[in-house]
Amino acid sequence: MGLEHTVASGLEKARLLREDSIEPYPEHTPPRTPIDIVLRSFEAGELNEPVGVAGRLVAKRAHGKLAFGDVAEGGAKVQLFLREGSADPSAVALFRRLDLGDWIWAHGPVIRTRTGEVSVDVRDLMLLSKIVRPLPDKWKGLKDHEARYRQRYLDLMVNPASRAVFETRAAVLRALRSTLDARGFLEVDTPVLQALYGGAAARPFTTHHHALDRMFYLRIALELHLKRLLVGGMSKVYEIGKCFRNEGMDRSHNPEFTLLEAYESFSDLDGMMELSEALVRAAAIEATGSARLPHGDGEIDLGGPFPRRPMADLIRERTGLDAFESPDDHLVEACAHRGLGEIPPAPSRAWLIDKLFSLAVEPTLLQPTFVTNHPLDLSPLARVDRSDPRTAARFELFVAGREVVNAYSELNDPAEQRRRLEDQRRLGDEGETHPVDDDFLRALEYGMPPAGGLGLGVDRLVMLLTQQPAIQDVILFPHMRPSSDDSPPHLEVPDDADHTG
């Protein structure tokens, strides 16, 4: 029986229930106890009164005058047990009309059946929400990853592992916040819709603000507003929020992503390294119970301290080239040899170093590593490194071949900052640049204390801790390209179109 017919059948069932004075979508839910608490309390011998439970009916079977069902809620599941003669007759009649996927409420004493299963001996039953479209087959589920991303609600229904990923994500966010709060950082909110974007080199999403009759932008980073707060005297601030970059999508990039940025007055690059280690380690322990993560045939140790390696040293080890001294054409040849596609005419050395590092070094950085001394031209908001004026006082933390943290000793010289941003604007033909934010520069003229700052990619950290291969697996509703087929993703529907188990 086709899916269209099955949906029509579900709608007809809802109509017939109303004809029999049974509301298929009632507003009120009677008192209930979460299923996981019911199970724990019963096993501890602390449950002596009948309880109400609510959830989705995920199994249903009948044996003569006995009927059984499984109801699931919040990752927990309990059996329902109905006996003619003890259950209210209306409850027995309603149970016969239920379909798999219906949301229901059941009330009765909790018992252990002869097979040893904890069960609710149902006396009363209520329909809370009637399913119309059939659930995916619990064994075959959704057919591909794209279907899981487009209809995450179905993915969560049939794939317990997906639910676990997002429970882990919540644990990661708790750990990040608690670590920063314990260190005296203040969580703040800064504008998502901005008159001028900045803090990164990226293409923004734009919109027209009708009341002000001007263009606005979705923020690409959190940095410049948080630094304004340092100027204002807030010495330790952080924000966890959504940022948006109007660029490509792949397994490690989504146009909408979650970023943590933290700034600390009187700190520097060393302070940000210590803070980065603490944040990543705390998130790993909260999410997995350990600072050691399985990875391939080995493990990744997040216990710290992490090694610190200059970018040029890593490039030399992998390619034999001196990033700052080798001729440009050697760097171009090395990039092309490693599969870099289009190369702009007369690319800057900084651009070539960055691309060569991405191709030759990044995939090899499995253990956590602080990569330091980036080309200064790539880091217009960072101080010059005292040990090598060609480079910035900046690091990126790489784990499992991906960048997780980016941090600076922050530049607070307003004249130098203006010169850097204006140079970036003039060199904008190589890609997106940092706009010149005059209000930010004006804030720096009032004096920003020496400071360190970091940005941590929350989605990528969750990918690492849950061992997920794609960023779409850790974002509940990732951006997707338009589908050529507007029909629902393919589901395996049981032959019994009524879906009654």
Protein backbone atom coordinates (compact mmCIF):
# COMPACT_ATOMS: atom_id res chain seq x y z
CA MET A 1 0.00 0.00 0.00
CA GLY A 2 1.47 3.36 -1.01
CA LEU A 3 2.57 6.08 1.35
CA GLU A 4 -0.08 8.49 0.05
CA HIS A 5 -2.80 5.98 0.86
CA THR A 6 -1.31 5.36 4.31
CA VAL A 7 -1.39 9.07 5.15
CA ALA A 8 -5.00 9.30 4.02
CA SER A 9 -5.80 6.30 6.21
CA GLY A 10 -4.19 8.03 9.20
CA LEU A 11 -6.24 11.17 8.67
CA GLU A 12 -9.39 9.07 8.42
CA LYS A 13 -8.55 7.34 11.71
CA ALA A 14 -8.23 10.73 13.40
CA ARG A 15 -11.64 11.73 12.02
CA LEU A 16 -13.27 8.52 13.26
CA LEU A 17 -11.77 8.97 16.74
CA ARG A 18 -13.40 12.39 16.95
CA GLU A 19 -16.71 10.87 15.87
CA ASP A 20 -16.38 8.54 18.88
CA SER A 21 -15.65 11.51 21.19
CA ILE A 22 -11.93 10.74 21.44
CA GLU A 23 -9.85 13.84 20.73
CA PRO A 24 -6.74 12.74 18.77
CA TYR A 25 -4.79 15.90 19.75
CA PRO A 26 -5.87 16.90 23.27
CA GLU A 27 -4.38 20.00 24.87
CA HIS A 28 -3.89 18.60 28.38
CA THR A 29 -1.59 15.79 29.52
CA PRO A 30 -2.46 14.19 32.88
CA PRO A 31 0.26 14.08 35.57
CA ARG A 32 3.20 11.93 34.50
CA THR A 33 6.56 10.72 35.76
CA PRO A 34 9.49 10.48 33.29
CA ILE A 35 10.05 6.87 32.28
CA ASP A 36 13.70 6.80 33.32
CA ILE A 37 12.72 7.92 36.83
CA VAL A 38 9.98 5.27 36.99
CA LEU A 39 12.47 2.54 36.11
CA ARG A 40 15.12 3.74 38.59
CA SER A 41 12.61 4.18 41.40
CA PHE A 42 11.10 0.73 40.86
CA GLU A 43 14.47 -1.01 40.87
CA ALA A 44 15.39 0.86 44.08
CA GLY A 45 12.17 -0.30 45.75
CA GLU A 46 10.95 3.27 46.12
CA LEU A 47 7.83 3.03 43.94
CA ASN A 48 4.69 2.03 45.82
CA GLU A 49 2.00 4.08 44.08
CA PRO A 50 0.50 3.87 40.57
CA VAL A 51 2.18 6.19 38.08
CA GLY A 52 1.38 7.92 34.85
CA VAL A 53 3.84 7.64 31.97
CA ALA A 54 3.79 9.28 28.54
CA GLY A 55 5.66 8.66 25.33
CA ARG A 56 5.58 7.28 21.81
CA LEU A 57 4.18 3.79 21.25
CA VAL A 58 7.02 1.88 19.56
CA ALA A 59 5.80 -1.73 19.85
CA LYS A 60 2.42 -3.41 20.14
CA ARG A 61 1.37 -7.03 20.44
CA ALA A 62 -1.63 -9.03 21.68
CA HIS A 63 -2.10 -12.51 23.17
CA GLY A 64 -5.74 -13.36 23.74
CA LYS A 65 -7.04 -11.24 26.61
CA LEU A 66 -3.56 -9.80 27.19
CA ALA A 67 -2.01 -6.94 25.27
CA PHE A 68 1.49 -5.50 25.47
CA GLY A 69 3.13 -2.37 24.20
CA ASP A 70 6.38 -0.46 24.56
CA VAL A 71 6.31 3.27 25.15
CA ALA A 72 9.47 5.36 24.73
CA GLU A 73 10.30 8.84 25.98
CA GLY A 74 13.58 10.71 26.30
CA GLY A 75 15.73 7.70 25.44
CA ALA A 76 14.02 5.42 28.01
CA LYS A 77 11.42 2.74 27.34
CA VAL A 78 8.94 0.79 29.49
CA GLN A 79 6.51 -2.01 28.70
CA LEU A 80 2.76 -1.54 28.98
CA PHE A 81 0.66 -4.51 30.14
CA LEU A 82 -3.13 -4.59 29.66
CA ARG A 83 -5.45 -7.28 30.97
CA GLU A 84 -9.14 -7.41 30.20
CA GLY A 85 -10.92 -7.24 33.55
CA SER A 86 -8.33 -5.06 35.29
CA ALA A 87 -7.86 -2.28 32.75
CA ASP A 88 -10.74 0.08 32.12
CA PRO A 89 -12.73 -1.27 29.14
CA SER A 90 -12.32 2.05 27.34
CA ALA A 91 -8.52 1.71 27.73
CA VAL A 92 -8.58 -1.76 26.17
CA ALA A 93 -10.73 -0.53 23.29
CA LEU A 94 -8.49 2.46 22.69
CA PHE A 95 -5.33 0.35 22.77
CA ARG A 96 -6.69 -1.80 19.95
CA ARG A 97 -7.08 1.33 17.82
CA LEU A 98 -3.59 2.68 18.41
CA ASP A 99 -0.90 2.70 15.73
CA LEU A 100 2.82 2.50 16.20
CA GLY A 101 4.09 6.04 16.62
CA ASP A 102 1.06 7.38 18.50
CA TRP A 103 1.87 9.45 21.57
CA ILE A 104 -0.02 8.12 24.57
CA TRP A 105 -0.42 8.40 28.35
CA ALA A 106 -0.90 5.31 30.51
CA HIS A 107 -1.60 4.99 34.23
CA GLY A 108 -1.34 2.07 36.59
CA PRO A 109 0.84 0.25 39.13
CA VAL A 110 4.34 -0.77 38.13
CA ILE A 111 4.96 -4.53 38.26
CA ARG A 112 7.46 -7.09 37.11
CA THR A 113 5.97 -9.63 34.71
CA ARG A 114 6.66 -13.37 34.81
CA THR A 115 9.38 -12.81 32.20
CA GLY A 116 11.05 -10.33 34.54
CA GLU A 117 10.28 -7.15 32.57
CA VAL A 118 9.34 -3.99 34.45
CA SER A 119 5.90 -2.98 33.18
CA VAL A 120 3.05 -0.57 33.82
CA ASP A 121 -0.11 -2.59 34.57
CA VAL A 122 -2.36 -0.21 32.64
CA ARG A 123 -5.67 0.80 34.15
CA ASP A 124 -6.26 4.04 32.23
CA LEU A 125 -5.08 5.08 28.77
CA MET A 126 -5.23 8.34 26.82
CA LEU A 127 -4.23 9.28 23.27
CA LEU A 128 -2.06 12.42 23.22
CA SER A 129 -1.21 12.75 19.53
CA LYS A 130 -2.31 10.62 16.57
CA ILE A 131 0.36 9.66 14.03
CA VAL A 132 -0.66 10.13 10.40
CA ARG A 133 2.53 9.43 8.45
CA PRO A 134 4.14 6.03 9.18
CA LEU A 135 7.41 5.72 11.05
CA PRO A 136 10.51 4.46 9.24
CA ASP A 137 11.11 0.76 9.63
CA LYS A 138 13.13 0.46 12.85
CA TRP A 139 15.56 -2.01 11.27
CA LYS A 140 16.15 -0.31 7.91
CA GLY A 141 15.50 3.28 8.94
CA LEU A 142 16.49 6.10 6.63
CA LYS A 143 18.32 5.12 3.47
CA ASP A 144 21.04 7.79 3.36
CA HIS A 145 22.77 10.54 5.31
CA GLU A 146 21.11 13.31 3.34
CA ALA A 147 17.67 12.05 4.36
CA ARG A 148 18.82 12.00 7.99
CA TYR A 149 19.95 15.62 7.79
CA ARG A 150 16.85 16.87 5.96
CA GLN A 151 14.43 15.19 8.37
CA ARG A 152 16.36 15.02 11.62
CA TYR A 153 13.21 14.19 13.55
CA LEU A 154 13.07 10.83 11.77
CA ASP A 155 16.78 10.26 12.36
CA LEU A 156 16.29 10.82 16.10
CA MET A 157 13.34 8.42 16.15
CA VAL A 158 15.16 5.44 14.66
CA ASN A 159 18.85 6.06 15.40
CA PRO A 160 19.70 6.13 19.12
CA ALA A 161 23.30 6.96 18.19
CA SER A 162 22.16 10.29 16.73
CA ARG A 163 20.42 11.22 19.97
CA ALA A 164 23.63 10.36 21.83
CA VAL A 165 25.64 12.75 19.63
CA PHE A 166 23.43 15.69 20.55
CA GLU A 167 23.37 14.75 24.22
CA THR A 168 27.17 14.83 24.02
CA ARG A 169 27.02 18.23 22.33
CA ALA A 170 25.00 19.56 25.25
CA ALA A 171 27.58 18.14 27.66
CA VAL A 172 30.39 19.87 25.73
CA LEU A 173 28.63 23.23 25.97
CA ARG A 174 28.08 22.74 29.73
CA ALA A 175 31.76 21.96 30.21
CA LEU A 176 32.93 24.98 28.21
CA ARG A 177 30.68 27.32 30.14
CA SER A 178 31.50 25.88 33.57
CA THR A 179 35.25 26.05 32.88
CA LEU A 180 35.09 29.70 31.87
CA ASP A 181 32.66 30.64 34.64
CA ALA A 182 34.94 29.03 37.24
CA ARG A 183 37.80 31.21 35.99
CA GLY A 184 35.81 34.40 36.42
CA PHE A 185 34.80 34.98 32.80
CA LEU A 186 31.52 36.78 32.19
CA GLU A 187 29.22 35.41 29.49
CA VAL A 188 27.87 38.18 27.25
CA ASP A 189 25.75 38.64 24.12
CA THR A 190 26.82 40.75 21.17
CA PRO A 191 24.86 41.67 18.02
CA VAL A 192 24.17 38.99 15.42
CA LEU A 193 22.94 41.59 12.92
CA GLN A 194 25.71 44.13 12.40
CA ALA A 195 26.13 47.35 10.46
CA LEU A 196 29.71 46.29 9.66
CA TYR A 197 31.02 42.74 9.82
CA GLY A 198 34.55 41.95 10.97
CA GLY A 199 36.85 39.76 13.03
CA ALA A 200 37.61 37.33 10.21
CA ALA A 201 38.30 37.20 6.50
CA ALA A 202 35.05 35.81 5.11
CA ARG A 203 32.10 36.69 2.87
CA PRO A 204 29.04 37.71 4.92
CA PHE A 205 25.33 37.20 4.45
CA THR A 206 23.66 40.55 3.75
CA THR A 207 20.19 41.91 4.31
CA HIS A 208 18.42 45.25 4.04
CA HIS A 209 17.31 46.95 7.25
CA HIS A 210 14.13 48.69 6.14
CA ALA A 211 13.70 50.95 9.19
CA LEU A 212 17.24 52.31 8.84
CA ASP A 213 17.33 51.96 5.04
CA ARG A 214 20.83 50.48 4.96
CA MET A 215 22.58 47.17 4.51
CA PHE A 216 23.25 44.95 7.51
CA TYR A 217 25.25 41.74 7.84
CA LEU A 218 25.03 38.53 9.81
CA ARG A 219 28.17 38.40 11.92
CA ILE A 220 31.09 36.31 10.72
CA ALA A 221 32.88 36.37 14.09
CA LEU A 222 32.44 37.63 17.65
CA GLU A 223 35.81 39.29 18.08
CA LEU A 224 35.48 43.03 17.56
CA HIS A 225 32.50 43.58 19.86
CA LEU A 226 34.09 41.47 22.61
CA LYS A 227 37.28 43.54 22.39
CA ARG A 228 35.20 46.70 22.78
CA LEU A 229 34.13 45.26 26.14
CA LEU A 230 37.78 44.96 27.21
CA VAL A 231 38.12 48.67 26.43
CA GLY A 232 35.08 49.29 28.63
CA GLY A 233 36.71 47.54 31.58
CA MET A 234 35.22 44.05 31.42
CA SER A 235 38.41 42.10 31.96
CA LYS A 236 37.26 38.54 31.14
CA VAL A 237 34.44 37.96 28.67
CA TYR A 238 33.19 35.15 26.48
CA GLU A 239 30.34 34.38 24.14
CA ILE A 240 29.03 31.15 22.62
CA GLY A 241 26.95 32.00 19.60
CA LYS A 242 26.05 31.45 16.00
CA CYS A 243 28.20 32.95 13.26
CA PHE A 244 27.52 32.95 9.52
CA ARG A 245 29.81 32.82 6.51
CA ASN A 246 28.41 32.93 3.00
CA GLU A 247 30.84 30.40 1.62
CA GLY A 248 31.13 26.76 0.60
CA MET A 249 29.85 23.69 2.39
CA ASP A 250 31.80 20.51 2.97
CA ARG A 251 32.39 17.89 5.66
CA SER A 252 33.98 20.44 8.02
CA HIS A 253 32.18 23.68 7.02
CA ASN A 254 28.56 24.76 7.43
CA PRO A 255 27.47 28.34 6.59
CA GLU A 256 25.91 28.62 10.07
CA PHE A 257 28.14 27.40 12.87
CA THR A 258 28.68 27.76 16.61
CA LEU A 259 31.71 29.64 17.87
CA LEU A 260 33.11 30.23 21.34
CA GLU A 261 35.28 33.32 21.70
CA ALA A 262 36.94 34.35 24.97
CA TYR A 263 39.09 37.39 25.77
CA GLU A 264 41.15 38.06 28.87
CA SER A 265 42.84 41.34 29.79
CA PHE A 266 46.50 41.12 30.82
CA SER A 267 46.83 37.67 29.26
CA ASP A 268 48.79 36.65 26.16
CA LEU A 269 49.46 33.73 23.85
CA ASP A 270 50.79 31.53 26.66
CA GLY A 271 47.66 32.21 28.70
CA MET A 272 45.46 31.31 25.75
CA MET A 273 47.35 28.04 25.26
CA GLU A 274 46.74 27.08 28.87
CA LEU A 275 43.08 28.08 28.61
CA SER A 276 42.66 26.13 25.34
CA GLU A 277 44.08 22.99 26.93
CA ALA A 278 41.75 23.39 29.90
CA LEU A 279 38.66 23.89 27.74
CA VAL A 280 39.32 20.96 25.42
CA ARG A 281 40.28 18.64 28.28
CA ALA A 282 37.20 19.59 30.35
CA ALA A 283 34.91 19.05 27.36
CA ALA A 284 36.44 15.63 26.67
CA ILE A 285 36.08 14.47 30.27
CA GLU A 286 32.51 15.76 30.55
CA ALA A 287 31.50 14.20 27.23
CA THR A 288 33.37 10.88 27.33
CA GLY A 289 34.65 10.43 30.87
CA SER A 290 38.28 10.54 29.75
CA ALA A 291 40.88 12.84 28.22
CA ARG A 292 41.99 9.96 25.99
CA LEU A 293 39.94 9.34 22.86
CA PRO A 294 40.06 6.23 20.65
CA HIS A 295 41.21 7.11 17.14
CA GLY A 296 41.85 4.48 14.46
CA ASP A 297 44.14 1.86 15.90
CA GLY A 298 45.39 4.19 18.62
CA GLU A 299 44.18 7.09 20.72
CA ILE A 300 44.36 10.86 21.00
CA ASP A 301 45.63 12.22 24.31
CA LEU A 302 43.98 15.51 25.31
CA GLY A 303 45.51 15.53 28.77
CA GLY A 304 48.14 18.14 27.81
CA PRO A 305 50.42 19.93 27.78
CA PHE A 306 50.30 20.04 23.99
CA PRO A 307 53.47 20.47 21.90
CA ARG A 308 54.14 23.84 20.27
CA ARG A 309 55.49 23.84 16.71
CA PRO A 310 56.25 26.80 14.41
CA MET A 311 54.40 26.58 11.11
CA ALA A 312 57.59 26.95 9.05
CA ASP A 313 59.26 24.03 10.87
CA LEU A 314 56.31 21.76 10.11
CA ILE A 315 56.29 22.78 6.44
CA ARG A 316 60.03 22.13 6.16
CA GLU A 317 59.64 18.64 7.68
CA ARG A 318 56.90 17.70 5.21
CA THR A 319 58.15 19.39 2.04
CA GLY A 320 61.80 20.30 2.48
CA LEU A 321 60.96 23.93 1.67
CA ASP A 322 61.70 27.01 3.75
CA ALA A 323 58.35 28.77 3.96
CA PHE A 324 59.89 32.23 4.18
CA GLU A 325 63.04 31.85 2.07
CA SER A 326 62.27 29.37 -0.77
CA PRO A 327 61.40 31.00 -4.12
CA ASP A 328 57.70 31.62 -4.69
CA ASP A 329 57.63 29.33 -7.73
CA HIS A 330 58.82 26.44 -5.54
CA LEU A 331 55.90 27.02 -3.20
CA VAL A 332 53.50 27.23 -6.15
CA GLU A 333 54.87 23.97 -7.55
CA ALA A 334 54.56 22.26 -4.16
CA CYS A 335 50.94 23.38 -3.84
CA ALA A 336 50.06 22.25 -7.36
CA HIS A 337 51.79 18.90 -6.78
CA ARG A 338 49.52 18.33 -3.78
CA GLY A 339 46.32 19.00 -5.69
CA LEU A 340 45.67 22.69 -5.17
CA GLY A 341 43.37 23.81 -7.96
CA GLU A 342 43.17 27.39 -9.13
CA ILE A 343 46.06 29.60 -8.02
CA PRO A 344 45.61 33.39 -8.40
CA PRO A 345 48.08 35.38 -10.47
CA ALA A 346 51.09 36.49 -8.42
CA PRO A 347 49.83 35.05 -5.12
CA SER A 348 51.33 36.49 -1.96
CA ARG A 349 53.85 34.42 -0.01
CA ALA A 350 51.50 34.38 2.98
CA TRP A 351 48.73 32.91 0.82
CA LEU A 352 51.08 30.22 -0.53
CA ILE A 353 52.35 29.33 2.93
CA ASP A 354 48.81 28.97 4.21
CA LYS A 355 47.75 26.75 1.30
CA LEU A 356 50.87 24.59 1.47
CA PHE A 357 50.43 24.10 5.20
CA SER A 358 46.79 23.07 4.68
CA LEU A 359 47.73 20.51 2.04
CA ALA A 360 50.99 19.09 3.39
CA VAL A 361 50.79 19.43 7.15
CA GLU A 362 47.24 19.70 8.50
CA PRO A 363 46.20 16.09 7.73
CA THR A 364 49.26 14.78 9.63
CA LEU A 365 48.49 16.58 12.90
CA LEU A 366 46.61 13.80 14.69
CA GLN A 367 47.75 14.50 18.25
CA PRO A 368 46.87 17.94 19.66
CA THR A 369 49.46 20.44 18.47
CA PHE A 370 49.76 24.21 18.86
CA VAL A 371 50.92 25.54 15.48
CA THR A 372 52.58 28.93 16.00
CA ASN A 373 54.19 31.74 14.03
CA HIS A 374 51.75 32.24 11.18
CA PRO A 375 52.69 34.77 8.48
CA LEU A 376 51.88 38.21 9.82
CA ASP A 377 49.86 39.12 6.70
CA LEU A 378 47.39 36.35 7.57
CA SER A 379 46.80 37.75 11.06
CA PRO A 380 45.91 41.47 10.93
CA LEU A 381 44.37 41.48 14.44
CA ALA A 382 47.35 39.85 16.19
CA ARG A 383 50.54 41.28 17.65
CA VAL A 384 53.88 40.72 15.93
CA ASP A 385 55.75 37.75 17.41
CA ARG A 386 58.80 39.02 19.31
CA SER A 387 60.96 36.08 18.16
CA ASP A 388 60.27 36.53 14.42
CA PRO A 389 58.83 39.81 13.10
CA ARG A 390 57.69 38.08 9.90
CA THR A 391 55.14 36.18 11.95
CA ALA A 392 52.21 36.83 14.28
CA ALA A 393 51.84 36.06 17.97
CA ARG A 394 49.19 33.54 17.03
CA PHE A 395 48.51 29.84 17.30
CA GLU A 396 46.03 27.35 15.93
CA LEU A 397 45.31 24.15 17.84
CA PHE A 398 44.99 21.14 15.53
CA VAL A 399 43.62 17.76 16.59
CA ALA A 400 42.91 14.82 14.30
CA GLY A 401 43.87 16.91 11.26
CA ARG A 402 41.42 19.75 11.96
CA GLU A 403 41.74 23.22 13.44
CA VAL A 404 39.83 23.45 16.73
CA VAL A 405 41.13 26.72 18.27
CA ASN A 406 42.57 29.93 16.81
CA ALA A 407 44.14 32.44 19.23
CA TYR A 408 46.24 35.63 19.40
CA SER A 409 48.11 37.95 21.62
CA GLU A 410 45.76 40.76 20.66
CA LEU A 411 46.98 43.85 18.84
CA ASN A 412 45.99 46.95 20.83
CA ASP A 413 47.99 49.69 19.07
CA PRO A 414 45.27 51.70 17.25
CA ALA A 415 47.62 53.22 14.66
CA GLU A 416 49.17 49.84 13.80
CA GLN A 417 45.73 48.23 13.70
CA ARG A 418 44.44 50.83 11.27
CA ARG A 419 47.47 50.40 9.02
CA ARG A 420 47.02 46.60 8.97
CA LEU A 421 43.32 46.77 8.15
CA GLU A 422 43.86 49.31 5.39
CA ASP A 423 46.63 47.13 3.93
CA GLN A 424 44.22 44.18 3.98
CA ARG A 425 41.61 46.20 2.13
CA ARG A 426 44.13 47.15 -0.56
CA LEU A 427 45.15 43.52 -1.00
CA GLY A 428 41.57 42.31 -1.23
CA ASP A 429 42.00 40.86 -4.71
CA GLU A 430 43.24 37.59 -3.18
CA GLY A 431 39.99 36.90 -1.37
CA GLU A 432 37.76 38.19 1.41
CA THR A 433 39.33 40.77 3.73
CA HIS A 434 38.80 42.42 7.09
CA PRO A 435 36.75 45.63 6.65
CA VAL A 436 38.06 48.80 8.29
CA ASP A 437 35.79 49.23 11.33
CA ASP A 438 36.24 52.86 12.34
CA ASP A 439 34.24 52.51 15.55
CA PHE A 440 36.43 49.59 16.66
CA LEU A 441 39.53 51.65 15.91
CA ARG A 442 38.03 54.54 17.86
CA ALA A 443 37.52 52.18 20.80
CA LEU A 444 41.18 51.15 20.64
CA GLU A 445 42.14 54.82 20.82
CA TYR A 446 40.55 54.91 24.28
CA GLY A 447 43.00 52.19 25.29
CA MET A 448 42.58 48.42 25.32
CA PRO A 449 44.73 46.59 27.87
CA PRO A 450 47.16 43.89 26.75
CA ALA A 451 45.03 40.83 26.17
CA GLY A 452 44.82 37.33 24.81
CA GLY A 453 41.86 35.97 22.90
CA LEU A 454 40.76 32.69 21.41
CA GLY A 455 38.08 31.30 19.15
CA LEU A 456 37.00 27.67 19.52
CA GLY A 457 34.91 25.88 16.91
CA VAL A 458 32.24 24.13 18.96
CA ASP A 459 30.99 22.00 16.08
CA ARG A 460 34.46 20.70 15.27
CA LEU A 461 35.15 19.93 18.93
CA VAL A 462 31.93 17.92 19.08
CA MET A 463 32.95 16.11 15.88
CA LEU A 464 36.21 15.13 17.56
CA LEU A 465 34.62 13.96 20.81
CA THR A 466 31.84 11.99 19.11
CA GLN A 467 34.07 10.66 16.31
CA GLN A 468 31.72 11.96 13.64
CA PRO A 469 33.15 12.35 10.12
CA ALA A 470 31.05 15.33 9.00
CA ILE A 471 29.96 18.58 10.60
CA GLN A 472 26.39 17.84 9.45
CA ASP A 473 26.35 14.94 11.93
CA VAL A 474 26.73 17.29 14.91
CA ILE A 475 24.37 20.09 13.81
CA LEU A 476 20.72 19.26 14.35
CA PHE A 477 19.51 21.06 11.24
CA PRO A 478 22.43 21.63 8.87
CA HIS A 479 22.13 23.66 5.69
CA MET A 480 21.36 21.51 2.65
CA ARG A 481 21.39 22.13 -1.06
CA PRO A 482 17.91 22.12 -2.64
CA SER A 483 16.70 18.63 -3.36
CA SER A 484 15.80 17.69 -6.93
CA ASP A 485 13.02 15.55 -5.46
CA ASP A 486 10.60 17.32 -3.17
CA SER A 487 9.06 14.05 -2.01
CA PRO A 488 9.92 12.75 1.48
CA PRO A 489 13.12 10.67 1.81
CA HIS A 490 12.65 6.98 1.11
CA LEU A 491 11.36 5.04 4.08
CA GLU A 492 10.92 1.31 4.45
CA VAL A 493 7.24 1.03 5.32
CA PRO A 494 5.97 -2.31 6.61
CA ASP A 495 3.49 -4.11 4.38
CA ASP A 496 0.80 -3.49 6.98
CA ALA A 497 -0.11 0.07 6.08
CA ASP A 498 -1.99 0.55 9.34
CA HIS A 499 1.37 0.23 11.16
CA THR A 500 -0.22 -1.60 14.05
CA GLY A 501 2.71 -3.87 14.87
